[in-house]
Every structure is written in C-alpha cells, then in structure tokens.
Amino acid sequence: RERLSTRVLDLAAPIGKGQRALIVAPPKSGKTILMQNIANAIETNNPEVVLIVLLIDERPEEVTDMMRIVKGEVVASTFDEPPERHVQIAEMVIEKARRLVECGYDVVILLDNITRLARAYNTVQPHSGKILTGGVDANALHKPKRFFGAARNIEQGGSLTIIATALIDTGSRMDEVIFEEFKGTGNMELVLDRRLADRRLFPAIDAVKSGTRKEELLYHPAELEKIYLLRQGLADLTPVDAMNLLLSRLKKTATNAEFLLSMKE
C-alpha cells in the first residue's frame, strides 16, 4: 500500500525539487499516513536529501509514531503547548533549512499542517484592528505565507521543497479562510477525498482535481502523452471509480513506467 500511495502521487501530481506542494485534506482522509509514505519514499530514492518533518499543534501519539517510522529529523510541538511554541519551532526549522540550502544542500520540509501554523500566528501576532471573516487578523497570514513561499530551486545551489497539508471541511470558518488564502500559492496541489477514505480506498487522492503546474518539465515526453491519455480517461469518472480503476491497474504492474507502457493495450 505504501508503494501504491507514492505511485499514485507520481501520476496525479509529481513533485520536483524546489516545489511548494499543498496537500488539501479533510479530517480522517489519511493525510498523516500519506506524509509518512512520502517521507519514506524520499529517504529511499533520494538519500542525499536533508529531510525535516515539522509537526505543529499535533497529538503526542502522532509525534511518537512519526519519530519511529521516519528516519529523518522530526521537529514537533503538541496541542498542549502555547501558540508561541508552535511559531518558535516553525521559524527555527525554516531558518535552519535556509542555511542548508545556502550551503548547497537539497532540503525537504514536510509540514503538518499549515492551517494550525496560521492559527498560531493569528494568536501571537499583534492585532492590526482589521479582522477578516472567521476571526483571522489581516496581518496574521503574512508570516505563514512567507514560510511556504521560502520553497525554491536555487541556480548553482541547493533547493528547498515544502510539502504542507491544509485542513478543509473541519466546520471552522477560520480554517476555510486560511485555506482560501493559501489556495493557488503552491505549484502542486494534491486533493484528498473523504469519500474514498470512508470506503477504505487508500491513498484517498482525487486524481482529477490534483495536479502539478508545468508537469511537462517533470515527465519524459513519451510518458507525458500517456499521462494526458490517463487524465482524459479518468476525467469522466467519479473520484471513487477513478481510484478503483487506477489501483486495480497499478497492482498489475511493478512500476509506473510499466503501467504507462501497458496503456496501449
């Protein structure tokens, strides 16, 4: 299942060095497991990359679980800590990552999640007097956006890739406002669907809504033609039918290249 998750991710929304990736996730859609799978895939396929997992306002058992599963550095603050602590560790991690990139390293930050980080900044920031819908201060989202915007690929240097999750459908107006502010700021968006998770179809990725900007730069030209054909085939299906079809075909092949070649048949 772990390999299938990252194979579906590679087909739906491939990730390149220096990307700002946003994983849009409703509650109980399997985002934490997906983040662990991504972390393990990075460690296996790109061992030279410096991996930092940043957990903000998280449950303590999730932190322990992540530390046991992921070999990279795990930096975390739990929900029983004050917002100042959430902000402090986020700024510490981004400054460390910037210094590593300046030294020529490729760095990946897995952030779970950007919504809670924005909530912490909203509490900590001095109030401007202008309040947006949902109780978000007008100045509160500047620093989380700066954090997310730090991802880039440096010419003749390293790269910083940030893969962050954003919460939706939580019932909180503030969370919706935060998501709307970050929507469109990334150059890769992976949308998780609760209906898939309820049917125990993992990864619960909506392959039609997910995608990467300028994905043609990340695929071989021969692969790109097949990817377009695949997207056309999945576009008319519901997310559940699309994922059922994709998983059934992927299980019959060992690699994505083999799967794309078999599409002729």
Protein backbone atom coordinates (compact mmCIF):
# COMPACT_ATOMS: atom_id res chain seq x y z
CA ARG A 1 0.00 0.00 0.00
CA GLU A 2 2.88 2.36 0.80
CA ARG A 3 4.36 1.98 -2.69
CA LEU A 4 0.93 2.36 -4.29
CA SER A 5 0.39 5.66 -2.44
CA THR A 6 3.55 7.23 -3.82
CA ARG A 7 2.98 5.73 -7.28
CA VAL A 8 -0.48 7.32 -7.45
CA LEU A 9 1.07 10.59 -6.22
CA ASP A 10 3.67 10.45 -9.03
CA LEU A 11 0.92 10.01 -11.62
CA ALA A 12 -1.57 12.53 -10.22
CA ALA A 13 0.76 15.31 -9.03
CA PRO A 14 4.52 14.69 -9.38
CA ILE A 15 6.89 16.54 -7.03
CA GLY A 16 10.16 18.15 -8.14
CA LYS A 17 12.93 19.82 -6.16
CA GLY A 18 12.07 23.34 -5.04
CA GLN A 19 8.31 22.89 -5.16
CA ARG A 20 5.61 24.31 -2.91
CA ALA A 21 3.20 21.42 -2.57
CA LEU A 22 -0.15 21.72 -0.82
CA ILE A 23 -1.99 18.58 0.32
CA VAL A 24 -5.64 19.58 0.76
CA ALA A 25 -7.13 17.23 3.34
CA PRO A 26 -10.46 16.87 5.15
CA PRO A 27 -10.33 15.16 8.59
CA LYS A 28 -9.72 11.37 8.64
CA SER A 29 -8.64 11.24 4.99
CA GLY A 30 -5.27 9.55 5.67
CA LYS A 31 -3.01 12.62 5.33
CA THR A 32 -0.63 11.60 8.15
CA ILE A 33 -0.07 8.12 6.66
CA LEU A 34 0.45 9.71 3.23
CA MET A 35 3.06 12.09 4.72
CA GLN A 36 4.86 9.10 6.27
CA ASN A 37 4.81 7.31 2.90
CA ILE A 38 6.22 10.41 1.16
CA ALA A 39 8.96 10.71 3.81
CA ASN A 40 9.94 7.04 3.42
CA ALA A 41 9.95 7.34 -0.39
CA ILE A 42 12.24 10.40 -0.23
CA GLU A 43 14.63 8.60 2.15
CA THR A 44 14.73 5.53 -0.12
CA ASN A 45 15.00 7.22 -3.53
CA ASN A 46 16.90 10.40 -2.59
CA PRO A 47 19.07 9.59 0.44
CA GLU A 48 21.20 12.71 -0.22
CA VAL A 49 18.22 14.97 0.61
CA VAL A 50 18.01 16.54 4.09
CA LEU A 51 14.52 15.66 5.32
CA ILE A 52 12.82 17.60 8.13
CA VAL A 53 9.32 16.67 9.31
CA LEU A 54 7.63 19.59 11.09
CA LEU A 55 4.53 18.75 13.13
CA ILE A 56 2.60 21.73 14.52
CA ASP A 57 -0.08 21.53 17.25
CA GLU A 58 -0.13 17.74 16.85
CA ARG A 59 -1.35 14.86 19.02
CA PRO A 60 1.54 13.40 21.10
CA GLU A 61 0.98 9.83 19.84
CA GLU A 62 1.25 11.06 16.23
CA VAL A 63 4.60 12.67 17.05
CA THR A 64 5.94 9.43 18.60
CA ASP A 65 4.64 7.40 15.64
CA MET A 66 6.32 9.74 13.14
CA MET A 67 9.63 9.60 15.03
CA ARG A 68 9.58 5.79 14.94
CA ILE A 69 8.67 5.50 11.26
CA VAL A 70 10.69 8.34 9.69
CA LYS A 71 14.50 8.26 9.79
CA GLY A 72 14.85 11.99 9.08
CA GLU A 73 14.68 14.77 11.64
CA VAL A 74 11.26 15.19 13.29
CA VAL A 75 10.57 18.56 14.96
CA ALA A 76 7.24 18.83 16.74
CA SER A 77 5.03 20.81 19.07
CA THR A 78 1.97 19.19 20.63
CA PHE A 79 -1.51 20.64 21.12
CA ASP A 80 -0.94 21.19 24.86
CA GLU A 81 1.83 23.74 24.16
CA PRO A 82 1.22 27.51 23.74
CA PRO A 83 0.96 29.13 20.27
CA GLU A 84 4.30 30.90 20.90
CA ARG A 85 5.99 27.48 20.93
CA HIS A 86 4.38 26.46 17.60
CA VAL A 87 5.65 29.67 15.99
CA GLN A 88 9.11 29.33 17.58
CA ILE A 89 9.82 25.84 16.22
CA ALA A 90 8.46 26.71 12.76
CA GLU A 91 10.81 29.72 12.50
CA MET A 92 13.73 27.66 13.83
CA VAL A 93 13.15 24.97 11.17
CA ILE A 94 12.80 27.40 8.24
CA GLU A 95 15.97 29.29 9.23
CA LYS A 96 17.91 26.03 9.52
CA ALA A 97 16.60 24.94 6.10
CA ARG A 98 17.64 28.26 4.51
CA ARG A 99 21.18 27.93 5.87
CA LEU A 100 21.44 24.37 4.50
CA VAL A 101 20.21 25.49 1.06
CA GLU A 102 22.80 28.30 1.07
CA CYS A 103 25.44 25.60 1.62
CA GLY A 104 24.21 23.71 -1.46
CA TYR A 105 22.03 21.04 0.15
CA ASP A 106 18.66 19.84 -1.15
CA VAL A 107 16.19 20.16 1.74
CA VAL A 108 12.62 18.88 2.05
CA ILE A 109 10.26 20.10 4.80
CA LEU A 110 7.10 18.07 5.40
CA LEU A 111 4.75 20.39 7.31
CA ASP A 112 1.66 19.01 9.05
CA ASN A 113 -0.09 21.32 8.98
CA ILE A 114 -0.08 24.86 7.67
CA THR A 115 -3.61 25.59 8.95
CA ARG A 116 -2.58 25.13 12.59
CA LEU A 117 0.58 27.16 11.99
CA ALA A 118 -1.55 30.02 10.63
CA ARG A 119 -3.87 29.73 13.65
CA ALA A 120 -0.84 30.01 15.97
CA TYR A 121 0.41 33.14 14.13
CA ASN A 122 -3.11 34.58 14.35
CA THR A 123 -2.95 34.27 18.15
CA VAL A 124 0.65 35.50 18.54
CA GLN A 125 0.72 38.41 16.06
CA PRO A 126 -0.09 41.92 17.40
CA HIS A 127 -3.60 42.73 16.19
CA SER A 128 -3.88 45.24 13.36
CA GLY A 129 -7.50 46.09 14.10
CA LYS A 130 -8.64 44.68 10.75
CA ILE A 131 -10.33 41.31 11.18
CA LEU A 132 -11.17 39.11 8.19
CA THR A 133 -14.04 36.62 8.07
CA GLY A 134 -13.67 33.81 10.59
CA GLY A 135 -11.70 35.89 13.08
CA VAL A 136 -8.42 35.95 11.12
CA ASP A 137 -6.37 39.12 11.62
CA ALA A 138 -5.39 40.87 8.37
CA ASN A 139 -1.65 40.63 9.24
CA ALA A 140 -1.70 37.08 10.64
CA LEU A 141 -1.19 35.21 7.36
CA HIS A 142 1.86 37.16 6.17
CA LYS A 143 4.42 35.02 8.06
CA PRO A 144 2.89 31.61 7.26
CA LYS A 145 2.85 32.67 3.59
CA ARG A 146 6.49 33.71 3.91
CA PHE A 147 7.26 30.27 5.36
CA PHE A 148 5.51 28.50 2.46
CA GLY A 149 6.99 30.90 -0.10
CA ALA A 150 10.55 30.07 1.00
CA ALA A 151 10.47 26.94 -1.19
CA ARG A 152 12.56 27.34 -4.34
CA ASN A 153 15.26 25.80 -6.50
CA ILE A 154 18.45 27.88 -6.39
CA GLU A 155 20.57 28.25 -9.53
CA GLN A 156 24.07 26.85 -8.84
CA GLY A 157 22.96 25.94 -5.31
CA GLY A 158 20.60 23.77 -3.32
CA SER A 159 16.82 23.60 -3.22
CA LEU A 160 14.11 23.87 -0.59
CA THR A 161 10.95 21.84 -1.14
CA ILE A 162 7.98 22.35 1.19
CA ILE A 163 5.15 19.81 1.25
CA ALA A 164 2.42 21.16 3.54
CA THR A 165 -1.04 19.90 4.45
CA ALA A 166 -4.03 22.26 4.70
CA LEU A 167 -7.25 21.34 6.50
CA ILE A 168 -10.69 21.72 4.89
CA ASP A 169 -14.24 20.67 5.88
CA THR A 170 -13.46 20.98 9.60
CA GLY A 171 -16.59 23.04 10.30
CA SER A 172 -14.40 26.04 11.22
CA ARG A 173 -14.83 29.24 9.21
CA MET A 174 -11.28 30.26 10.17
CA ASP A 175 -9.83 27.09 8.61
CA GLU A 176 -11.75 27.77 5.38
CA VAL A 177 -10.40 31.35 5.22
CA ILE A 178 -6.83 30.13 5.81
CA PHE A 179 -7.18 27.51 3.06
CA GLU A 180 -8.62 30.07 0.62
CA GLU A 181 -5.62 32.34 1.29
CA PHE A 182 -3.15 29.53 0.51
CA LYS A 183 -5.10 28.09 -2.42
CA GLY A 184 -3.21 28.84 -5.61
CA THR A 185 0.04 29.83 -3.85
CA GLY A 186 1.56 26.36 -4.35
CA ASN A 187 2.72 24.93 -7.66
CA MET A 188 1.41 21.45 -6.82
CA GLU A 189 -1.92 20.60 -5.23
CA LEU A 190 -2.94 17.16 -4.02
CA VAL A 191 -6.62 16.87 -3.07
CA LEU A 192 -7.70 14.12 -0.68
CA ASP A 193 -11.33 12.93 -0.68
CA ARG A 194 -13.14 11.80 2.47
CA ARG A 195 -15.49 9.58 0.43
CA LEU A 196 -12.52 7.47 -0.68
CA ALA A 197 -11.23 7.18 2.90
CA ASP A 198 -14.69 6.15 4.15
CA ARG A 199 -14.60 3.27 1.65
CA ARG A 200 -11.07 2.39 2.86
CA LEU A 201 -9.64 3.25 -0.56
CA PHE A 202 -6.13 4.49 0.18
CA PRO A 203 -4.48 6.70 -0.91
CA ALA A 204 -7.69 8.78 -0.83
CA ILE A 205 -6.45 11.02 -3.68
CA ASP A 206 -8.85 12.77 -6.05
CA ALA A 207 -6.74 12.18 -9.15
CA VAL A 208 -8.82 14.54 -11.33
CA LYS A 209 -8.64 17.60 -9.04
CA SER A 210 -4.97 17.05 -8.15
CA GLY A 211 -2.15 18.29 -10.34
CA THR A 212 1.22 19.99 -10.73
CA ARG A 213 1.87 23.22 -12.62
CA LYS A 214 4.29 22.77 -15.53
CA GLU A 215 4.22 18.99 -15.02
CA GLU A 216 5.66 18.57 -18.53
CA LEU A 217 9.07 19.50 -17.05
CA LEU A 218 8.94 16.50 -14.69
CA TYR A 219 7.92 13.80 -17.17
CA HIS A 220 9.70 12.21 -20.13
CA PRO A 221 7.92 13.32 -23.37
CA ALA A 222 6.78 9.73 -24.05
CA GLU A 223 5.37 9.47 -20.51
CA LEU A 224 3.64 12.84 -20.83
CA GLU A 225 1.48 11.65 -23.75
CA LYS A 226 0.32 8.66 -21.69
CA ILE A 227 -0.34 10.87 -18.65
CA TYR A 228 -2.62 13.08 -20.77
CA LEU A 229 -4.46 9.98 -22.03
CA LEU A 230 -4.81 8.73 -18.46
CA ARG A 231 -6.23 12.08 -17.29
CA GLN A 232 -8.72 12.11 -20.16
CA GLY A 233 -9.85 8.60 -19.20
CA LEU A 234 -10.28 9.46 -15.52
CA ALA A 235 -11.92 12.87 -16.05
CA ASP A 236 -15.42 11.46 -16.68
CA LEU A 237 -15.35 9.11 -13.66
CA THR A 238 -16.28 9.83 -10.04
CA PRO A 239 -13.29 10.01 -7.61
CA VAL A 240 -14.23 6.55 -6.21
CA ASP A 241 -14.43 4.88 -9.65
CA ALA A 242 -11.26 6.66 -10.82
CA MET A 243 -9.24 5.45 -7.81
CA ASN A 244 -10.65 1.90 -8.06
CA LEU A 245 -9.63 1.73 -11.71
CA LEU A 246 -6.20 3.25 -11.09
CA LEU A 247 -5.37 0.96 -8.15
CA SER A 248 -6.54 -2.18 -9.96
CA ARG A 249 -4.26 -1.35 -12.93
CA LEU A 250 -1.29 -0.29 -10.79
CA LYS A 251 -1.37 -3.56 -8.81
CA LYS A 252 -0.77 -5.50 -12.03
CA THR A 253 2.48 -3.63 -12.79
CA ALA A 254 5.71 -3.17 -10.83
CA THR A 255 6.50 0.42 -11.86
CA ASN A 256 4.68 3.47 -13.24
CA ALA A 257 6.72 3.29 -16.46
CA GLU A 258 5.49 -0.28 -16.99
CA PHE A 259 1.92 0.82 -16.23
CA LEU A 260 2.09 3.70 -18.75
CA LEU A 261 3.54 1.41 -21.43
CA SER A 262 0.75 -1.13 -20.82
CA MET A 263 -1.86 1.55 -21.56
CA LYS A 264 -1.53 0.77 -25.29
CA GLU A 265 -3.29 -2.49 -24.60
